[in-house]
Amino acid sequence: MKKLIPVLLITALLSGCSSLAPLLQIAFTPTPLPPQDTLTPAPTVTPLPTQDLFATSTFTPTSLIPTFDGVPEATEDPSQPTETPEPLPTFGPPPNVGTYFTPKNEGFLAVLISNNILYWNEGPCMPRSVKISAFVTDLEATKSVVMFMRLREKKNTLNFTDWGGGAILLKADNGSFNYTVTPKNISKYALYKDAWVEYQLVAVNEENLVIGRTQVYDRNISLVRCMPVGQ
């Protein structure tokens, strides 16, 4: 009898376990894992351009000149002569060459001299000055009259000086322009014993443009060295 008790207990336990099997199956049935989240790709971010707050804008000029279509271009008529502008005259002395002569006076009515000889050096020789007077054609337009001078040796005509700076003539009440020439007004006069005083007069207006020019007077006035008595 005592041997049956353990057997019964084992049997009862086995039957109890068999009845608990469905419960254990339910209790230990693995719960299915939730589906994993699918990773959503990150949106593409476009960086905004950086702005320089201290930058200065550059102005691009645009042409505002309108263009016209259909306008015919001006064509020159070969039958009509073209006008060539006359060059302005040069304000200055004549060219520094041996042979230069203006054939006539332009813009001058007359040029007068007080005498035709001019002495230099010590001694009783007279006169010692020559007065030159000029009358212009257009007195109102003439601002001033300028005279240029140089010397030419009489025996050797190839020996001559450069033109001196222009001497301004003084205007008188009668409308004449006057200048008194002395040996000291002539460059290098002491190097010549007997020479011609060559001169030319030029008239200019308010804009210093030449409006008159005389011929080169080359045989009117003589420069002579005075020889004291006993030399």
Protein backbone atom coordinates (compact mmCIF):
# COMPACT_ATOMS: atom_id res chain seq x y z
CA MET A 1 0.00 0.00 0.00
CA LYS A 2 2.79 2.27 0.82
CA LYS A 3 4.31 1.54 -2.56
CA LEU A 4 1.12 2.65 -4.39
CA ILE A 5 1.09 6.09 -2.87
CA PRO A 6 4.21 7.31 -4.72
CA VAL A 7 2.95 5.80 -7.90
CA LEU A 8 -0.33 7.57 -7.58
CA LEU A 9 1.34 10.80 -6.88
CA ILE A 10 3.54 10.52 -9.95
CA THR A 11 0.48 9.60 -12.02
CA ALA A 12 -1.44 12.54 -10.68
CA LEU A 13 1.44 14.84 -11.45
CA LEU A 14 1.78 13.55 -14.97
CA SER A 15 -1.90 13.95 -15.64
CA GLY A 16 -1.81 17.42 -14.20
CA CYS A 17 1.09 18.31 -16.44
CA SER A 18 -0.73 17.01 -19.46
CA SER A 19 -3.69 19.20 -18.64
CA LEU A 20 -1.43 22.17 -18.19
CA ALA A 21 0.31 21.66 -21.52
CA PRO A 22 -2.11 23.87 -23.54
CA LEU A 23 -1.80 26.58 -20.94
CA LEU A 24 1.96 26.40 -20.99
CA GLN A 25 1.91 26.48 -24.76
CA ILE A 26 -0.17 29.63 -24.70
CA ALA A 27 2.00 31.13 -21.98
CA PHE A 28 5.26 30.45 -23.74
CA THR A 29 4.16 31.10 -27.31
CA PRO A 30 6.58 33.87 -28.52
CA THR A 31 4.89 37.12 -29.30
CA PRO A 32 5.78 38.12 -32.87
CA LEU A 33 8.02 41.17 -33.06
CA PRO A 34 6.51 44.28 -34.52
CA PRO A 35 7.68 45.07 -38.01
CA GLN A 36 10.74 47.25 -38.13
CA ASP A 37 10.23 50.83 -39.30
CA THR A 38 11.49 51.50 -42.76
CA LEU A 39 14.02 54.31 -42.73
CA THR A 40 12.76 57.29 -44.75
CA PRO A 41 15.61 58.98 -46.68
CA ALA A 42 16.44 62.40 -45.34
CA PRO A 43 15.28 65.23 -47.60
CA THR A 44 17.95 66.95 -49.65
CA VAL A 45 18.69 70.41 -48.27
CA THR A 46 19.90 73.01 -50.74
CA PRO A 47 22.05 75.59 -48.91
CA LEU A 48 21.05 79.20 -49.47
CA PRO A 49 23.74 81.41 -51.00
CA THR A 50 25.55 83.56 -48.53
CA GLN A 51 25.10 87.31 -48.99
CA ASP A 52 27.92 89.74 -48.40
CA LEU A 53 26.35 92.64 -46.59
CA PHE A 54 29.34 94.86 -47.42
CA ALA A 55 29.50 94.14 -51.11
CA THR A 56 28.79 97.01 -53.50
CA SER A 57 26.90 96.46 -56.68
CA THR A 58 28.60 97.25 -59.95
CA PHE A 59 26.65 99.42 -62.36
CA THR A 60 26.66 98.18 -65.90
CA PRO A 61 26.02 101.10 -68.24
CA THR A 62 23.53 100.59 -70.97
CA SER A 63 23.38 102.47 -74.17
CA LEU A 64 20.51 104.89 -74.36
CA ILE A 65 21.26 105.98 -77.90
CA PRO A 66 18.38 104.86 -80.05
CA THR A 67 19.06 103.16 -83.31
CA PHE A 68 17.10 103.94 -86.40
CA ASP A 69 16.56 101.54 -89.20
CA GLY A 70 15.91 102.48 -92.74
CA VAL A 71 17.70 105.86 -92.66
CA PRO A 72 19.89 106.14 -95.73
CA GLU A 73 23.53 107.05 -95.16
CA ALA A 74 24.76 110.35 -96.48
CA THR A 75 26.77 109.93 -99.62
CA GLU A 76 29.09 112.50 -101.11
CA ASP A 77 28.21 113.93 -104.43
CA PRO A 78 31.33 113.68 -106.60
CA SER A 79 30.08 116.56 -108.70
CA GLN A 80 30.17 118.94 -105.70
CA PRO A 81 33.61 120.24 -104.68
CA THR A 82 34.64 119.54 -101.10
CA GLU A 83 35.63 122.48 -98.95
CA THR A 84 39.11 122.32 -97.43
CA PRO A 85 39.45 124.41 -94.25
CA GLU A 86 42.10 127.07 -94.51
CA PRO A 87 44.86 126.52 -91.94
CA LEU A 88 45.40 129.24 -89.38
CA PRO A 89 48.50 131.34 -89.94
CA THR A 90 51.46 130.93 -87.64
CA PHE A 91 52.11 133.69 -85.14
CA GLY A 92 55.86 134.18 -85.22
CA PRO A 93 58.80 135.40 -87.26
CA PRO A 94 59.53 134.28 -90.82
CA PRO A 95 61.50 131.08 -91.36
CA ASN A 96 65.13 131.48 -90.36
CA VAL A 97 66.54 130.94 -93.85
CA GLY A 98 68.66 133.07 -96.12
CA THR A 99 66.04 133.72 -98.81
CA TYR A 100 62.52 134.41 -97.60
CA PHE A 101 60.36 137.22 -98.91
CA THR A 102 56.66 137.99 -98.61
CA PRO A 103 55.67 139.35 -102.01
CA LYS A 104 53.18 141.87 -100.64
CA ASN A 105 51.73 143.30 -97.46
CA GLU A 106 48.54 141.71 -96.18
CA GLY A 107 46.43 143.55 -93.62
CA PHE A 108 48.62 146.68 -93.70
CA LEU A 109 48.01 149.98 -95.46
CA ALA A 110 51.50 151.43 -95.04
CA VAL A 111 54.76 151.06 -93.10
CA LEU A 112 56.81 154.26 -92.64
CA ILE A 113 60.34 154.83 -91.28
CA SER A 114 61.82 158.08 -89.98
CA ASN A 115 65.28 157.48 -91.55
CA ASN A 116 67.18 154.69 -93.24
CA ILE A 117 70.42 154.57 -91.25
CA LEU A 118 71.18 153.63 -87.67
CA TYR A 119 74.60 154.24 -86.05
CA TRP A 120 76.17 152.54 -83.10
CA ASN A 121 79.48 152.98 -81.21
CA GLU A 122 80.94 156.19 -79.77
CA GLY A 123 81.30 159.29 -81.93
CA PRO A 124 79.29 162.15 -83.39
CA CYS A 125 77.43 159.97 -85.89
CA MET A 126 73.70 160.54 -86.08
CA PRO A 127 70.94 159.32 -85.99
CA ARG A 128 70.98 156.76 -83.23
CA SER A 129 67.41 155.58 -83.63
CA VAL A 130 64.79 154.85 -86.30
CA LYS A 131 61.05 155.26 -85.73
CA ILE A 132 58.79 152.76 -87.50
CA SER A 133 55.05 153.51 -87.92
CA ALA A 134 52.50 151.04 -89.28
CA PHE A 135 48.87 151.47 -90.37
CA VAL A 136 46.65 148.38 -90.48
CA THR A 137 43.67 147.66 -92.72
CA ASP A 138 41.25 146.57 -89.97
CA LEU A 139 41.91 148.74 -86.94
CA GLU A 140 38.99 147.38 -84.89
CA ALA A 141 40.01 143.75 -85.27
CA THR A 142 43.69 144.40 -84.62
CA LYS A 143 44.72 143.82 -81.03
CA SER A 144 48.44 144.50 -81.50
CA VAL A 145 51.25 144.69 -84.02
CA VAL A 146 54.50 142.81 -83.42
CA MET A 147 57.82 143.38 -85.22
CA PHE A 148 60.61 140.85 -85.76
CA MET A 149 64.16 141.92 -86.68
CA ARG A 150 67.51 140.44 -87.63
CA LEU A 151 70.83 141.58 -89.15
CA ARG A 152 72.46 140.60 -92.44
CA GLU A 153 76.03 141.56 -93.33
CA LYS A 154 76.27 143.58 -96.52
CA LYS A 155 79.59 142.15 -97.78
CA ASN A 156 78.69 138.55 -96.95
CA THR A 157 74.93 138.15 -97.26
CA LEU A 158 75.15 134.58 -95.98
CA ASN A 159 76.15 135.95 -92.58
CA PHE A 160 72.94 136.83 -90.76
CA THR A 161 71.50 136.48 -87.27
CA ASP A 162 68.42 134.68 -86.05
CA TRP A 163 65.13 136.51 -85.82
CA GLY A 164 64.80 138.28 -82.51
CA GLY A 165 61.81 138.10 -80.23
CA GLY A 166 58.76 140.08 -81.28
CA ALA A 167 58.70 143.71 -80.23
CA ILE A 168 55.20 145.09 -79.57
CA LEU A 169 54.41 148.38 -81.26
CA LEU A 170 52.57 151.08 -79.31
CA LYS A 171 49.19 152.21 -80.60
CA ALA A 172 48.71 155.96 -81.04
CA ASP A 173 45.55 158.06 -81.08
CA ASN A 174 45.69 158.41 -84.87
CA GLY A 175 45.41 154.61 -85.26
CA SER A 176 49.08 154.01 -86.07
CA PHE A 177 51.34 151.49 -84.34
CA ASN A 178 54.82 152.83 -83.55
CA TYR A 179 58.17 151.54 -82.36
CA THR A 180 61.57 153.25 -81.99
CA VAL A 181 64.48 151.02 -82.92
CA THR A 182 67.88 151.57 -81.30
CA PRO A 183 71.02 149.41 -81.62
CA LYS A 184 70.33 147.92 -78.18
CA ASN A 185 67.03 146.52 -79.48
CA ILE A 186 68.91 144.40 -82.07
CA SER A 187 70.65 141.19 -81.06
CA LYS A 188 74.42 140.96 -81.69
CA TYR A 189 74.59 144.41 -83.28
CA ALA A 190 78.19 144.93 -82.05
CA LEU A 191 79.41 142.12 -84.33
CA TYR A 192 78.50 144.02 -87.52
CA LYS A 193 80.25 147.11 -88.90
CA ASP A 194 77.90 147.49 -91.83
CA ALA A 195 74.72 145.45 -92.09
CA TRP A 196 71.12 145.55 -93.21
CA VAL A 197 68.36 145.59 -90.61
CA GLU A 198 65.70 143.18 -91.88
CA TYR A 199 62.26 143.38 -90.27
CA GLN A 200 58.71 142.19 -90.67
CA LEU A 201 55.48 143.28 -88.95
CA VAL A 202 52.63 140.97 -87.91
CA ALA A 203 49.10 142.03 -86.86
CA VAL A 204 47.09 139.79 -84.50
CA ASN A 205 43.55 139.88 -83.11
CA GLU A 206 42.15 139.21 -79.63
CA GLU A 207 42.63 135.43 -80.09
CA ASN A 208 46.29 136.02 -81.09
CA LEU A 209 45.51 134.87 -84.62
CA VAL A 210 47.41 136.49 -87.45
CA ILE A 211 45.23 138.83 -89.50
CA GLY A 212 48.03 140.69 -91.27
CA ARG A 213 51.69 140.30 -92.22
CA THR A 214 54.04 142.54 -94.14
CA GLN A 215 56.78 141.57 -96.51
CA VAL A 216 60.29 141.18 -95.12
CA TYR A 217 61.92 144.59 -95.51
CA ASP A 218 65.54 143.79 -96.22
CA ARG A 219 67.08 146.90 -97.82
CA ASN A 220 65.46 149.80 -95.97
CA ILE A 221 67.60 150.37 -92.87
CA SER A 222 71.39 150.16 -92.52
CA LEU A 223 73.20 149.49 -89.27
CA VAL A 224 76.60 151.19 -89.36
CA ARG A 225 79.39 151.39 -86.83
CA CYS A 226 80.38 154.97 -86.11
CA MET A 227 84.11 155.61 -86.52
CA PRO A 228 85.33 158.42 -84.23
CA VAL A 229 87.70 161.04 -85.68
CA GLY A 230 91.32 159.89 -85.59
CA GLN A 231 90.57 156.16 -85.84
